[in-house]
C-alpha atoms as a PDB file:
ATOM      1  CA  MET A   1      26.662 -87.711 -41.162  1.00  0.00           C
ATOM      2  CA  ALA A   2      23.472 -86.474 -42.825  1.00  0.00           C
ATOM      3  CA  ASN A   3      22.013 -88.071 -45.924  1.00  0.00           C
ATOM      4  CA  LEU A   4      19.694 -86.939 -48.663  1.00  0.00           C
ATOM      5  CA  LEU A   5      16.706 -89.264 -49.114  1.00  0.00           C
ATOM      6  CA  HIS A   6      14.967 -89.700 -52.450  1.00  0.00           C
ATOM      7  CA  LEU A   7      11.393 -90.689 -51.623  1.00  0.00           C
ATOM      8  CA  LYS A   8       8.534 -91.776 -53.832  1.00  0.00           C
ATOM      9  CA  VAL A   9       5.136 -91.060 -52.326  1.00  0.00           C
ATOM     10  CA  ALA A  10       1.987 -92.594 -53.822  1.00  0.00           C
ATOM     11  CA  LEU A  11      -1.635 -92.246 -52.782  1.00  0.00           C
ATOM     12  CA  ARG A  12      -3.091 -95.734 -52.399  1.00  0.00           C
ATOM     13  CA  TYR A  13      -6.273 -97.192 -53.922  1.00  0.00           C
ATOM     14  CA  ILE A  14      -6.616 -94.667 -56.780  1.00  0.00           C
ATOM     15  CA  THR A  15      -6.177 -95.391 -60.516  1.00  0.00           C
ATOM     16  CA  PRO A  16      -4.548 -93.815 -62.496  1.00  0.00           C
ATOM     17  CA  PRO A  17      -1.973 -93.368 -59.724  1.00  0.00           C
ATOM     18  CA  ILE A  18      -1.325 -90.072 -57.945  1.00  0.00           C
ATOM     19  CA  TRP A  19       2.307 -89.824 -56.864  1.00  0.00           C
ATOM     20  CA  ARG A  20       5.238 -87.529 -56.077  1.00  0.00           C
ATOM     21  CA  ARG A  21       9.012 -87.954 -56.047  1.00  0.00           C
ATOM     22  CA  VAL A  22      10.767 -85.729 -53.497  1.00  0.00           C
ATOM     23  CA  GLU A  23      14.222 -85.351 -51.943  1.00  0.00           C
ATOM     24  CA  VAL A  24      14.544 -84.489 -48.264  1.00  0.00           C
ATOM     25  CA  PRO A  25      17.397 -84.369 -45.734  1.00  0.00           C
ATOM     26  CA  ASP A  26      17.112 -87.270 -43.299  1.00  0.00           C
ATOM     27  CA  THR A  27      17.563 -84.841 -40.406  1.00  0.00           C
ATOM     28  CA  LEU A  28      13.930 -83.749 -40.915  1.00  0.00           C
ATOM     29  CA  THR A  29      11.541 -84.843 -38.191  1.00  0.00           C
ATOM     30  CA  PHE A  30       8.344 -86.692 -38.990  1.00  0.00           C
ATOM     31  CA  TRP A  31       6.517 -83.587 -37.773  1.00  0.00           C
ATOM     32  CA  GLU A  32       8.214 -81.597 -40.545  1.00  0.00           C
ATOM     33  CA  LEU A  33       7.605 -84.414 -43.039  1.00  0.00           C
ATOM     34  CA  HIS A  34       3.904 -84.094 -42.254  1.00  0.00           C
ATOM     35  CA  PHE A  35       3.964 -80.527 -43.589  1.00  0.00           C
ATOM     36  CA  VAL A  36       5.947 -81.657 -46.629  1.00  0.00           C
ATOM     37  CA  MET A  37       3.137 -84.112 -47.353  1.00  0.00           C
ATOM     38  CA  GLN A  38       0.536 -81.405 -46.893  1.00  0.00           C
ATOM     39  CA  VAL A  39       2.268 -79.287 -49.534  1.00  0.00           C
ATOM     40  CA  LEU A  40       2.882 -82.137 -51.975  1.00  0.00           C
ATOM     41  CA  PHE A  41      -0.743 -83.266 -51.962  1.00  0.00           C
ATOM     42  CA  ASP A  42      -2.312 -79.851 -51.550  1.00  0.00           C
ATOM     43  CA  TRP A  43      -4.044 -80.855 -48.326  1.00  0.00           C
ATOM     44  CA  GLN A  44      -5.284 -78.116 -45.991  1.00  0.00           C
ATOM     45  CA  ASN A  45      -3.936 -79.462 -42.671  1.00  0.00           C
ATOM     46  CA  CYS A  46      -7.392 -79.738 -41.147  1.00  0.00           C
ATOM     47  CA  HIS A  47      -7.257 -83.310 -39.795  1.00  0.00           C
ATOM     48  CA  LEU A  48      -5.214 -85.724 -37.720  1.00  0.00           C
ATOM     49  CA  PHE A  49      -2.372 -87.711 -39.264  1.00  0.00           C
ATOM     50  CA  GLU A  50      -0.290 -90.807 -38.630  1.00  0.00           C
ATOM     51  CA  PHE A  51       3.007 -92.350 -39.727  1.00  0.00           C
ATOM     52  CA  ARG A  52       3.459 -96.078 -39.238  1.00  0.00           C
ATOM     53  CA  GLN A  53       5.386 -99.144 -40.271  1.00  0.00           C
ATOM     54  CA  GLY A  54       3.571-102.469 -40.155  1.00  0.00           C
ATOM     55  CA  ARG A  55       0.184-102.181 -38.510  1.00  0.00           C
ATOM     56  CA  GLY A  56       1.272 -99.680 -35.897  1.00  0.00           C
ATOM     57  CA  SER A  57       1.365-102.303 -33.144  1.00  0.00           C
ATOM     58  CA  ILE A  58       3.585-102.215 -30.067  1.00  0.00           C
ATOM     59  CA  ASN A  59       6.607-103.613 -31.934  1.00  0.00           C
ATOM     60  CA  ASP A  60       6.209-101.320 -34.974  1.00  0.00           C
ATOM     61  CA  PHE A  61       7.021 -97.661 -35.530  1.00  0.00           C
ATOM     62  CA  LEU A  62       3.998 -95.466 -34.847  1.00  0.00           C
ATOM     63  CA  SER A  63       3.849 -91.683 -34.744  1.00  0.00           C
ATOM     64  CA  GLY A  64       1.284 -89.021 -35.525  1.00  0.00           C
ATOM     65  CA  SER A  65      -0.596 -86.010 -34.224  1.00  0.00           C
ATOM     66  CA  PRO A  66       0.784 -85.326 -30.739  1.00  0.00           C
ATOM     67  CA  PRO A  67      -1.568 -84.502 -27.843  1.00  0.00           C
ATOM     68  CA  VAL A  68      -2.579 -80.887 -27.328  1.00  0.00           C
ATOM     69  CA  ALA A  69      -5.628 -80.784 -25.055  1.00  0.00           C
ATOM     70  CA  PRO A  70      -5.588 -82.217 -21.523  1.00  0.00           C
ATOM     71  CA  GLY A  71      -6.596 -85.869 -21.656  1.00  0.00           C
ATOM     72  CA  ASP A  72      -5.556 -86.417 -25.286  1.00  0.00           C
ATOM     73  CA  GLU A  73      -2.850 -88.820 -24.118  1.00  0.00           C
ATOM     74  CA  ASP A  74      -5.542 -91.193 -22.845  1.00  0.00           C
ATOM     75  CA  ASP A  75      -6.748 -91.815 -26.411  1.00  0.00           C
ATOM     76  CA  MET A  76      -3.284 -92.662 -27.780  1.00  0.00           C
ATOM     77  CA  PRO A  77      -1.361 -95.957 -27.680  1.00  0.00           C
ATOM     78  CA  GLU A  78       1.324 -95.731 -25.023  1.00  0.00           C
ATOM     79  CA  TRP A  79       3.998 -96.757 -27.568  1.00  0.00           C
ATOM     80  CA  GLN A  80       3.126 -93.948 -30.008  1.00  0.00           C
ATOM     81  CA  ARG A  81       6.159 -91.718 -30.502  1.00  0.00           C
ATOM     82  CA  ASP A  82       6.073 -87.939 -30.715  1.00  0.00           C
ATOM     83  CA  PRO A  83       6.755 -86.902 -34.360  1.00  0.00           C
ATOM     84  CA  ARG A  84       8.559 -83.792 -33.136  1.00  0.00           C
ATOM     85  CA  LYS A  85      11.174 -86.005 -31.465  1.00  0.00           C
ATOM     86  CA  VAL A  86      11.761 -88.588 -34.213  1.00  0.00           C
ATOM     87  CA  SER A  87      14.049 -87.847 -37.179  1.00  0.00           C
ATOM     88  CA  LEU A  88      13.764 -89.641 -40.493  1.00  0.00           C
ATOM     89  CA  ASN A  89      17.260 -91.068 -40.038  1.00  0.00           C
ATOM     90  CA  GLU A  90      15.986 -93.174 -37.131  1.00  0.00           C
ATOM     91  CA  ILE A  91      13.461 -95.015 -39.305  1.00  0.00           C
ATOM     92  CA  LEU A  92      14.390 -94.589 -42.982  1.00  0.00           C
ATOM     93  CA  THR A  93      18.013 -95.542 -43.524  1.00  0.00           C
ATOM     94  CA  ALA A  94      18.180 -97.720 -46.655  1.00  0.00           C
ATOM     95  CA  PRO A  95      16.576 -98.092 -50.094  1.00  0.00           C
ATOM     96  CA  LYS A  96      13.252 -99.967 -50.295  1.00  0.00           C
ATOM     97  CA  GLN A  97      12.289 -99.139 -46.723  1.00  0.00           C
ATOM     98  CA  LYS A  98       8.694 -97.969 -46.434  1.00  0.00           C
ATOM     99  CA  VAL A  99       6.451 -96.017 -44.113  1.00  0.00           C
ATOM    100  CA  THR A 100       2.729 -95.320 -44.399  1.00  0.00           C
ATOM    101  CA  TYR A 101       1.339 -91.821 -43.958  1.00  0.00           C
ATOM    102  CA  VAL A 102      -2.379 -91.561 -43.201  1.00  0.00           C
ATOM    103  CA  TYR A 103      -4.140 -88.208 -43.301  1.00  0.00           C
ATOM    104  CA  ASP A 104      -7.757 -87.563 -42.226  1.00  0.00           C
ATOM    105  CA  PHE A 105      -9.075 -90.621 -40.400  1.00  0.00           C
ATOM    106  CA  GLY A 106     -12.512 -89.998 -41.926  1.00  0.00           C
ATOM    107  CA  ASP A 107     -11.539 -89.997 -45.611  1.00  0.00           C
ATOM    108  CA  ASN A 108      -8.512 -92.117 -44.623  1.00  0.00           C
ATOM    109  CA  TRP A 109      -6.046 -91.043 -47.302  1.00  0.00           C
ATOM    110  CA  GLU A 110      -3.208 -93.590 -47.185  1.00  0.00           C
ATOM    111  CA  HIS A 111       0.132 -92.722 -48.757  1.00  0.00           C
ATOM    112  CA  GLU A 112       2.982 -95.178 -49.269  1.00  0.00           C
ATOM    113  CA  ILE A 113       6.399 -93.556 -48.785  1.00  0.00           C
ATOM    114  CA  VAL A 114       9.294 -95.582 -50.223  1.00  0.00           C
ATOM    115  CA  VAL A 115      13.013 -94.793 -49.987  1.00  0.00           C
ATOM    116  CA  GLU A 116      14.403 -95.028 -53.522  1.00  0.00           C
ATOM    117  CA  LYS A 117      17.911 -93.724 -52.859  1.00  0.00           C
ATOM    118  CA  VAL A 118      20.125 -92.628 -49.952  1.00  0.00           C
ATOM    119  CA  VAL A 119      22.762 -90.053 -50.941  1.00  0.00           C
ATOM    120  CA  PRO A 120      25.466 -89.372 -48.298  1.00  0.00           C
ATOM    121  CA  LEU A 121      26.343 -85.700 -47.814  1.00  0.00           C
ATOM    122  CA  ALA A 122      29.938 -84.631 -47.316  1.00  0.00           C
ATOM    123  CA  PRO A 123      30.873 -83.439 -43.812  1.00  0.00           C
ATOM    124  CA  GLY A 124      30.085 -79.756 -43.466  1.00  0.00           C
ATOM    125  CA  HIS A 125      27.782 -79.802 -46.487  1.00  0.00           C
ATOM    126  CA  PRO A 126      24.880 -77.376 -45.928  1.00  0.00           C
ATOM    127  CA  THR A 127      21.543 -79.059 -45.355  1.00  0.00           C
ATOM    128  CA  PRO A 128      19.731 -79.149 -48.705  1.00  0.00           C
ATOM    129  CA  ALA A 129      16.235 -77.764 -49.043  1.00  0.00           C
ATOM    130  CA  VAL A 130      13.292 -80.085 -49.572  1.00  0.00           C
ATOM    131  CA  ARG A 131      12.537 -80.326 -53.281  1.00  0.00           C
ATOM    132  CA  CYS A 132       9.883 -82.055 -55.349  1.00  0.00           C
ATOM    133  CA  LEU A 133      11.421 -83.644 -58.442  1.00  0.00           C
ATOM    134  CA  THR A 134       8.404 -84.871 -60.366  1.00  0.00           C
ATOM    135  CA  GLY A 135       4.981 -86.434 -59.983  1.00  0.00           C
ATOM    136  CA  ARG A 136       1.628 -87.042 -61.584  1.00  0.00           C
ATOM    137  CA  ARG A 137      -1.925 -85.811 -61.164  1.00  0.00           C
ATOM    138  CA  ALA A 138      -3.679 -83.642 -58.605  1.00  0.00           C
ATOM    139  CA  ALA A 139      -4.587 -84.966 -55.179  1.00  0.00           C
ATOM    140  CA  PRO A 140      -8.285 -85.300 -54.272  1.00  0.00           C
ATOM    141  CA  PRO A 141      -9.897 -82.214 -52.754  1.00  0.00           C
ATOM    142  CA  GLU A 142     -10.221 -82.069 -48.982  1.00  0.00           C
ATOM    143  CA  ASP A 143     -13.285 -83.772 -47.424  1.00  0.00           C
ATOM    144  CA  ILE A 144     -14.466 -85.219 -50.737  1.00  0.00           C
ATOM    145  CA  GLY A 145     -15.682 -88.475 -49.210  1.00  0.00           C
ATOM    146  CA  SER A 146     -12.646 -90.733 -49.589  1.00  0.00           C
ATOM    147  CA  VAL A 147     -11.976 -92.759 -52.761  1.00  0.00           C
ATOM    148  CA  PRO A 148     -15.664 -93.242 -53.730  1.00  0.00           C
ATOM    149  CA  GLY A 149     -16.347 -89.511 -53.455  1.00  0.00           C
ATOM    150  CA  TYR A 150     -13.265 -88.678 -55.508  1.00  0.00           C
ATOM    151  CA  GLU A 151     -14.164 -91.196 -58.216  1.00  0.00           C
ATOM    152  CA  MET A 152     -17.690 -89.774 -58.360  1.00  0.00           C
ATOM    153  CA  LEU A 153     -16.256 -86.265 -58.806  1.00  0.00           C
ATOM    154  CA  VAL A 154     -13.955 -87.391 -61.614  1.00  0.00           C
ATOM    155  CA  GLY A 155     -16.871 -89.088 -63.386  1.00  0.00           C
ATOM    156  CA  LEU A 156     -19.068 -86.007 -63.098  1.00  0.00           C
ATOM    157  CA  LEU A 157     -16.301 -83.770 -64.428  1.00  0.00           C
ATOM    158  CA  ALA A 158     -15.881 -86.102 -67.406  1.00  0.00           C
ATOM    159  CA  GLU A 159     -19.614 -85.855 -68.148  1.00  0.00           C
ATOM    160  CA  LYS A 160     -19.413 -82.071 -67.916  1.00  0.00           C
ATOM    161  CA  ALA A 161     -16.427 -81.971 -70.292  1.00  0.00           C
ATOM    162  CA  ALA A 162     -18.279 -84.227 -72.751  1.00  0.00           C
ATOM    163  CA  GLY A 163     -21.300 -81.920 -72.708  1.00  0.00           C
ATOM    164  CA  THR A 164     -23.661 -84.504 -71.208  1.00  0.00           C
ATOM    165  CA  ARG A 165     -23.970 -82.572 -67.941  1.00  0.00           C
ATOM    166  CA  LYS A 166     -24.425 -78.845 -67.478  1.00  0.00           C
ATOM    167  CA  ARG A 167     -23.497 -78.458 -63.822  1.00  0.00           C
ATOM    168  CA  LEU A 168     -22.267 -80.467 -60.868  1.00  0.00           C
ATOM    169  CA  PRO A 169     -24.553 -81.504 -57.994  1.00  0.00           C
ATOM    170  CA  SER A 170     -24.686 -79.088 -55.074  1.00  0.00           C
ATOM    171  CA  GLU A 171     -22.423 -81.258 -52.888  1.00  0.00           C
ATOM    172  CA  TYR A 172     -19.608 -80.644 -55.397  1.00  0.00           C
ATOM    173  CA  ALA A 173     -20.152 -76.879 -55.565  1.00  0.00           C
ATOM    174  CA  GLY A 174     -16.977 -74.966 -56.337  1.00  0.00           C
ATOM    175  CA  LEU A 175     -15.187 -77.945 -57.880  1.00  0.00           C
ATOM    176  CA  GLY A 176     -16.235 -77.385 -61.478  1.00  0.00           C
ATOM    177  CA  LYS A 177     -12.709 -76.268 -62.413  1.00  0.00           C
ATOM    178  CA  PHE A 178     -10.877 -79.027 -60.558  1.00  0.00           C
ATOM    179  CA  ASP A 179      -8.490 -80.736 -62.971  1.00  0.00           C
ATOM    180  CA  PRO A 180      -7.544 -84.299 -61.900  1.00  0.00           C
ATOM    181  CA  GLU A 181      -4.597 -84.279 -64.330  1.00  0.00           C
ATOM    182  CA  GLU A 182      -2.990 -81.073 -63.048  1.00  0.00           C
ATOM    183  CA  PHE A 183       0.484 -81.263 -61.498  1.00  0.00           C
ATOM    184  CA  ASP A 184       1.909 -77.865 -60.571  1.00  0.00           C
ATOM    185  CA  LEU A 185       5.579 -78.561 -59.824  1.00  0.00           C
ATOM    186  CA  PRO A 186       6.678 -74.869 -59.554  1.00  0.00           C
ATOM    187  CA  SER A 187       3.918 -74.186 -57.033  1.00  0.00           C
ATOM    188  CA  PHE A 188       4.909 -77.178 -54.888  1.00  0.00           C
ATOM    189  CA  ASN A 189       8.559 -76.147 -54.828  1.00  0.00           C
ATOM    190  CA  HIS A 190       7.661 -72.541 -54.073  1.00  0.00           C
ATOM    191  CA  ASP A 191       5.786 -73.689 -50.963  1.00  0.00           C
ATOM    192  CA  LEU A 192       8.436 -76.246 -49.988  1.00  0.00           C
ATOM    193  CA  ALA A 193      11.048 -73.474 -50.021  1.00  0.00           C
ATOM    194  CA  LEU A 194       8.977 -71.838 -47.260  1.00  0.00           C
ATOM    195  CA  LEU A 195       8.790 -74.998 -45.150  1.00  0.00           C
ATOM    196  CA  GLY A 196      10.677 -73.487 -42.217  1.00  0.00           C
ATOM    197  CA  GLU A 197       8.404 -70.458 -42.133  1.00  0.00           C
ATOM    198  CA  ILE A 198       5.296 -72.615 -42.496  1.00  0.00           C
ATOM    199  CA  VAL A 199       6.239 -74.809 -39.539  1.00  0.00           C
ATOM    200  CA  ALA A 200       7.284 -71.841 -37.388  1.00  0.00           C
ATOM    201  CA  GLU A 201       3.999 -70.042 -38.076  1.00  0.00           C
ATOM    202  CA  GLN A 202       1.972 -73.120 -37.185  1.00  0.00           C
ATOM    203  CA  ASP A 203       3.980 -73.567 -33.993  1.00  0.00           C
ATOM    204  CA  ALA A 204       3.352 -69.995 -32.877  1.00  0.00           C
ATOM    205  CA  MET A 205      -0.378 -70.209 -33.485  1.00  0.00           C
ATOM    206  CA  LEU A 206      -0.668 -73.542 -31.749  1.00  0.00           C
ATOM    207  CA  ALA A 207       1.240 -72.344 -28.724  1.00  0.00           C
ATOM    208  CA  GLU A 208      -1.493 -69.746 -28.386  1.00  0.00           C
ATOM    209  CA  TYR A 209      -4.136 -72.438 -28.794  1.00  0.00           C
ATOM    210  CA  THR A 210      -2.538 -74.537 -26.051  1.00  0.00           C
ATOM    211  CA  ARG A 211      -2.446 -71.481 -23.783  1.00  0.00           C
ATOM    212  CA  GLN A 212      -6.130 -70.904 -24.414  1.00  0.00           C
ATOM    213  CA  LEU A 213      -6.864 -74.442 -23.253  1.00  0.00           C
ATOM    214  CA  GLY A 214      -5.414 -73.517 -19.895  1.00  0.00           C
ATOM    215  CA  GLY A 215      -2.578 -76.007 -19.975  1.00  0.00           C
ATOM    216  CA  PRO A 216       1.165 -75.353 -19.977  1.00  0.00           C
ATOM    217  CA  VAL A 217       2.678 -74.513 -23.337  1.00  0.00           C
ATOM    218  CA  PRO A 218       5.056 -77.385 -24.151  1.00  0.00           C
ATOM    219  CA  ASP A 219       8.690 -76.741 -25.034  1.00  0.00           C
ATOM    220  CA  ILE A 220       8.181 -78.737 -28.234  1.00  0.00           C
ATOM    221  CA  ARG A 221       5.796 -78.130 -31.057  1.00  0.00           C
ATOM    222  CA  PRO A 222       2.162 -79.128 -30.517  1.00  0.00           C
ATOM    223  CA  ALA A 223      -0.167 -80.691 -33.078  1.00  0.00           C
ATOM    224  CA  PHE A 224      -2.063 -78.589 -35.574  1.00  0.00           C
ATOM    225  CA  ASP A 225      -5.845 -78.375 -35.566  1.00  0.00           C
ATOM    226  CA  VAL A 226      -7.198 -75.601 -37.790  1.00  0.00           C
ATOM    227  CA  GLU A 227     -10.763 -75.479 -36.493  1.00  0.00           C
ATOM    228  CA  ALA A 228      -9.772 -75.467 -32.840  1.00  0.00           C
ATOM    229  CA  LEU A 229      -7.029 -72.939 -33.572  1.00  0.00           C
ATOM    230  CA  LEU A 230      -9.391 -70.500 -35.241  1.00  0.00           C
ATOM    231  CA  ALA A 231     -11.817 -70.781 -32.332  1.00  0.00           C
ATOM    232  CA  ALA A 232      -9.022 -70.084 -29.873  1.00  0.00           C
ATOM    233  CA  LEU A 233      -7.678 -67.094 -31.777  1.00  0.00           C
ATOM    234  CA  THR A 234     -11.162 -65.664 -32.202  1.00  0.00           C
ATOM    235  CA  ALA A 235     -11.646 -65.810 -28.452  1.00  0.00           C
ATOM    236  CA  THR A 236      -8.603 -63.563 -27.958  1.00  0.00           C
ATOM    237  CA  LEU A 237      -9.896 -60.763 -30.169  1.00  0.00           C
ATOM    238  CA  PRO A 238     -11.278 -57.712 -28.350  1.00  0.00           C
ATOM    239  CA  LYS A 239     -15.033 -57.577 -28.306  1.00  0.00           C
ATOM    240  CA  LEU A 240     -16.607 -54.687 -30.144  1.00  0.00           C
ATOM    241  CA  PRO A 241     -19.043 -52.492 -28.203  1.00  0.00           C
ATOM    242  CA  PRO A 242     -22.688 -53.139 -28.986  1.00  0.00           C
ATOM    243  CA  ALA A 243     -24.162 -51.075 -31.779  1.00  0.00           C
ATOM    244  CA  PRO A 244     -26.217 -48.073 -30.597  1.00  0.00           C
ATOM    245  CA  PRO A 245     -29.974 -48.542 -30.841  1.00  0.00           C
ATOM    246  CA  LYS A 246     -31.604 -47.169 -33.940  1.00  0.00           C
ATOM    247  CA  PRO A 247     -33.477 -43.890 -33.346  1.00  0.00           C
ATOM    248  CA  LYS A 248     -37.211 -44.275 -33.285  1.00  0.00           C
ATOM    249  CA  LYS A 249     -39.141 -42.593 -36.029  1.00  0.00           C
ATOM    250  CA  PRO A 250     -41.329 -39.755 -34.736  1.00  0.00           C
ATOM    251  CA  LYS A 251     -45.004 -40.517 -34.790  1.00  0.00           C
ATOM    252  CA  PRO A 252     -46.945 -38.533 -37.397  1.00  0.00           C
END
């Protein structure tokens, strides 16, 4: 019997806290939960990710970006489980259980996911859609330089709002309108309603990426790597013929 999980997700090491409360069916895989997290925190899906309980050792639950390129398996712990094959109901079954979600091993954004409530669904009840209930504050921009970089950005924006600074340094170009207090619930739920389409689109593009690598396309969904994907798709585009040479000007 399926259940509906009420989860609270909080980004660690940042004050005031950045958090979301979301309800999800426990039949979701951790691969699908990864995309839920990307929507909830407005990440761009450009980096590797990991789910773990404990420290991710051999006796703990560990999952994350599955291998795509030949040889990727050699860099992964042998006990790491494929997120496409693990449902939430295998790991999160009771209130107060926790799992850590880490996104971008450079900036190392750690999220604590806590089960607040488990609601049993009646037999035959249609699977509910993923829905964000509430939350606070905007997530840090992608590739900002982890917590120190985010705190620097917030301080600079405060100076700009107070009139003591005219413009942001060049490394923060384009972030002048970033609002740390913004929480756009309708936008999150709009995107979460498209979760199935989002995952299917990523799967199709990544199957093409795997094919470009020369390996067999797996019968389960591969990991998502934007930069490598774009390079692979670009390689499939037909090459344009070279431009004709410019006519030489006649000599006077």
